[in-house]
N, C-alpha and C. Protein backbone atom coordinates (compact mmCIF):
# COMPACT_ATOMS: atom_id res chain seq x y z
N MET A 1 0.88 -1.36 -0.08
CA MET A 1 -0.03 0.05 -0.05
C MET A 1 0.84 1.20 -0.06
N ARG A 2 0.66 2.03 -0.83
CA ARG A 2 1.33 3.54 -1.12
C ARG A 2 0.33 4.52 -0.62
N PRO A 3 0.76 5.63 -0.15
CA PRO A 3 -0.15 6.84 0.19
C PRO A 3 -1.02 7.12 -1.02
N SER A 4 -0.36 7.06 -2.40
CA SER A 4 -1.15 7.36 -3.56
C SER A 4 -2.31 6.40 -3.75
N ASP A 5 -2.18 5.30 -3.21
CA ASP A 5 -3.12 3.99 -3.39
C ASP A 5 -4.59 4.52 -2.73
N LEU A 6 -4.32 5.40 -1.61
CA LEU A 6 -5.57 5.57 -0.51
C LEU A 6 -6.38 6.55 -0.96
N ASP A 7 -7.62 6.07 -0.96
CA ASP A 7 -8.62 7.26 -1.36
C ASP A 7 -8.88 7.77 -0.04
N PRO A 8 -9.68 8.91 -0.03
CA PRO A 8 -9.67 9.80 1.07
C PRO A 8 -10.22 9.05 2.32
N THR A 9 -11.29 8.20 2.13
CA THR A 9 -11.83 7.50 3.20
C THR A 9 -10.76 6.65 3.85
N ARG A 10 -9.99 5.78 3.12
CA ARG A 10 -9.09 4.91 3.74
C ARG A 10 -7.94 5.58 4.41
N TRP A 11 -7.61 6.92 3.76
CA TRP A 11 -6.48 7.53 4.31
C TRP A 11 -7.03 8.16 5.65
N ARG A 12 -8.24 8.62 5.99
CA ARG A 12 -8.85 9.04 7.17
C ARG A 12 -8.73 7.83 8.28
N GLU A 13 -9.06 6.57 7.87
CA GLU A 13 -8.84 5.35 8.45
C GLU A 13 -7.45 5.17 8.99
N VAL A 14 -6.54 5.27 8.13
CA VAL A 14 -5.07 4.91 8.42
C VAL A 14 -4.80 6.12 9.42
N ASP A 15 -5.03 7.40 9.18
CA ASP A 15 -4.81 8.48 10.14
C ASP A 15 -5.30 8.26 11.41
N THR A 16 -6.44 7.83 11.67
CA THR A 16 -6.97 7.81 12.72
C THR A 16 -6.30 6.62 13.63
N VAL A 17 -6.17 5.60 13.15
CA VAL A 17 -5.39 4.39 13.84
C VAL A 17 -4.03 4.74 13.89
N LEU A 18 -3.35 5.47 13.09
CA LEU A 18 -1.85 6.04 13.43
C LEU A 18 -1.89 6.96 14.65
N GLU A 19 -2.87 7.87 14.51
CA GLU A 19 -2.75 8.70 15.81
C GLU A 19 -2.98 8.16 16.92
N LYS A 20 -3.94 7.15 17.09
CA LYS A 20 -4.05 6.25 18.39
C LYS A 20 -2.79 5.44 18.63
N ALA A 21 -2.26 4.94 17.72
CA ALA A 21 -0.94 4.12 17.97
C ALA A 21 0.21 5.13 18.49
N LEU A 22 0.47 6.19 17.89
CA LEU A 22 1.42 7.12 18.53
C LEU A 22 1.15 7.71 19.80
N GLU A 23 -0.18 7.80 20.11
CA GLU A 23 -0.40 8.30 21.53
C GLU A 23 -0.31 7.06 22.57
N ALA A 24 -0.22 5.93 22.05
CA ALA A 24 -0.19 4.97 23.00
C ALA A 24 1.31 4.82 23.32
N PRO A 25 1.75 4.20 24.51
CA PRO A 25 3.10 3.65 24.92
C PRO A 25 3.57 2.83 23.79
N PRO A 26 4.94 2.93 23.63
CA PRO A 26 5.43 2.04 22.53
C PRO A 26 5.19 0.54 22.80
N ASP A 27 5.17 0.08 24.03
CA ASP A 27 4.89 -1.32 24.25
C ASP A 27 3.64 -1.89 24.14
N LEU A 28 2.64 -0.92 23.84
CA LEU A 28 1.12 -1.18 23.57
C LEU A 28 0.58 -0.77 22.23
N ARG A 29 1.60 -0.43 21.36
CA ARG A 29 1.27 -0.17 19.92
C ARG A 29 0.84 -1.50 19.19
N SER A 30 1.36 -2.46 19.58
CA SER A 30 1.02 -3.64 18.62
C SER A 30 -0.42 -3.94 19.16
N SER A 31 -0.87 -4.04 20.37
CA SER A 31 -2.22 -4.18 20.79
C SER A 31 -3.26 -3.14 20.11
N VAL A 32 -2.86 -1.85 19.86
CA VAL A 32 -3.61 -0.87 19.43
C VAL A 32 -4.06 -1.17 17.96
N LEU A 33 -2.77 -1.65 17.14
CA LEU A 33 -2.98 -1.90 15.81
C LEU A 33 -3.92 -3.20 15.67
N ALA A 34 -3.45 -4.16 16.53
CA ALA A 34 -4.44 -5.41 16.29
C ALA A 34 -5.97 -5.07 16.64
N GLU A 35 -6.23 -4.31 17.77
CA GLU A 35 -7.59 -3.90 18.08
C GLU A 35 -8.20 -3.16 16.71
N ALA A 36 -7.53 -2.07 16.32
CA ALA A 36 -7.97 -1.12 15.36
C ALA A 36 -8.23 -1.84 14.06
N CYS A 37 -7.28 -2.69 13.67
CA CYS A 37 -7.23 -3.06 12.25
C CYS A 37 -7.86 -4.37 12.03
N GLY A 38 -8.25 -5.25 13.17
CA GLY A 38 -8.81 -6.54 13.03
C GLY A 38 -8.13 -7.21 11.96
N SER A 39 -9.00 -7.78 11.03
CA SER A 39 -8.38 -8.79 10.17
C SER A 39 -7.67 -7.97 8.95
N ASP A 40 -7.64 -6.69 9.06
CA ASP A 40 -7.28 -5.88 7.81
C ASP A 40 -5.44 -6.01 7.94
N GLU A 41 -4.91 -6.93 7.54
CA GLU A 41 -3.47 -7.22 7.54
C GLU A 41 -2.80 -6.08 6.76
N GLU A 42 -3.40 -5.66 5.59
CA GLU A 42 -2.65 -4.76 4.82
C GLU A 42 -2.56 -3.39 5.57
N MET A 43 -3.74 -2.93 6.17
CA MET A 43 -3.80 -1.67 6.80
C MET A 43 -2.67 -1.85 8.17
N ARG A 44 -2.77 -2.91 8.86
CA ARG A 44 -2.10 -3.14 9.95
C ARG A 44 -0.37 -2.96 9.69
N ALA A 45 0.00 -3.49 8.31
CA ALA A 45 1.28 -3.73 7.91
C ALA A 45 1.79 -2.30 7.53
N TYR A 46 0.62 -1.62 6.80
CA TYR A 46 1.12 -0.21 6.34
C TYR A 46 1.27 0.86 7.53
N ILE A 47 0.48 0.50 8.65
CA ILE A 47 0.53 1.55 9.81
C ILE A 47 1.63 1.14 10.53
N ALA A 48 2.28 -0.22 10.72
CA ALA A 48 3.35 -0.62 11.82
C ALA A 48 4.45 -0.08 10.72
N GLY A 49 4.63 0.00 9.48
CA GLY A 49 5.77 0.71 8.74
C GLY A 49 5.96 2.03 9.14
N LEU A 50 4.61 2.66 9.11
CA LEU A 50 4.59 4.24 9.33
C LEU A 50 5.27 4.41 10.93
N LEU A 51 4.66 3.57 11.78
CA LEU A 51 5.04 3.58 13.24
C LEU A 51 6.76 3.36 13.20
N GLY A 52 7.21 2.49 12.48
CA GLY A 52 8.69 2.31 12.47
C GLY A 52 9.62 3.36 11.84
N ASP A 53 8.93 4.18 10.86
CA ASP A 53 9.48 5.36 10.39
C ASP A 53 9.55 6.41 11.52
N ALA A 54 8.40 6.55 12.20
CA ALA A 54 8.39 7.66 13.11
C ALA A 54 9.38 7.33 14.40
N GLU A 55 9.63 6.00 14.79
CA GLU A 55 10.56 5.75 15.70
C GLU A 55 11.77 6.01 15.26
N GLN A 56 12.04 5.69 14.04
CA GLN A 56 13.60 6.05 13.40
C GLN A 56 13.75 7.47 13.48
N ALA A 57 12.81 8.15 13.22
CA ALA A 57 12.89 9.95 13.25
C ALA A 57 13.03 10.33 14.45
N ASP A 58 12.36 9.70 15.53
CA ASP A 58 12.46 10.00 17.00
C ASP A 58 13.83 9.78 17.48
N ALA A 59 14.59 8.61 16.96
CA ALA A 59 15.74 8.23 17.36
C ALA A 59 16.75 9.36 16.72
N PHE A 60 16.75 9.64 15.49
CA PHE A 60 17.43 10.53 14.76
C PHE A 60 17.44 12.09 15.46
N PHE A 61 16.20 12.38 15.81
CA PHE A 61 16.02 13.86 16.36
C PHE A 61 16.18 13.84 18.03
N GLY A 62 16.39 12.64 18.55
CA GLY A 62 16.53 12.61 20.06
C GLY A 62 15.26 12.92 20.86
N GLU A 63 14.04 13.15 19.95
CA GLU A 63 12.76 13.22 20.84
C GLU A 63 11.69 12.90 20.01
N PRO A 64 10.60 12.74 20.43
CA PRO A 64 9.56 12.45 19.64
C PRO A 64 9.12 13.35 18.63
N VAL A 65 8.86 12.98 17.30
CA VAL A 65 8.68 14.07 16.24
C VAL A 65 7.16 14.64 16.46
N SER A 66 6.37 13.76 16.83
CA SER A 66 5.05 14.37 16.74
C SER A 66 4.83 15.51 17.72
N PRO A 67 5.16 15.67 19.05
CA PRO A 67 5.14 16.90 19.77
C PRO A 67 6.10 18.09 19.30
N LEU A 68 7.26 17.57 18.62
CA LEU A 68 8.17 18.66 18.18
C LEU A 68 7.39 19.19 16.99
N GLY A 69 6.74 18.43 16.02
CA GLY A 69 5.87 19.21 15.03
C GLY A 69 4.82 20.00 15.37
N ALA A 70 4.33 19.62 16.41
CA ALA A 70 3.11 20.20 17.03
C ALA A 70 3.54 21.64 17.46
N THR A 71 4.78 21.81 18.00
CA THR A 71 5.22 23.03 18.50
C THR A 71 5.70 24.07 17.43
N LEU A 72 6.05 23.54 16.28
CA LEU A 72 6.21 24.19 15.17
C LEU A 72 5.24 24.84 14.45
N LEU A 73 4.05 24.06 14.62
CA LEU A 73 2.86 24.68 13.85
C LEU A 73 2.34 25.82 14.53
């Protein structure tokens, strides 16, 4: 799944689940994905990849990207 493959409805679903997962402690994110995605393995794998990207960015910048981005807005 690529961002260009997502219609607006699907993108909102991904965005909602991603936000929930990012708000959860890292050790609970897999549970959040399992509950939110159910049997939709494609969405779960896509969001897991986005979470991995966010974790790499956090490690690079030395702090969570989401709160950092919020302060810049």
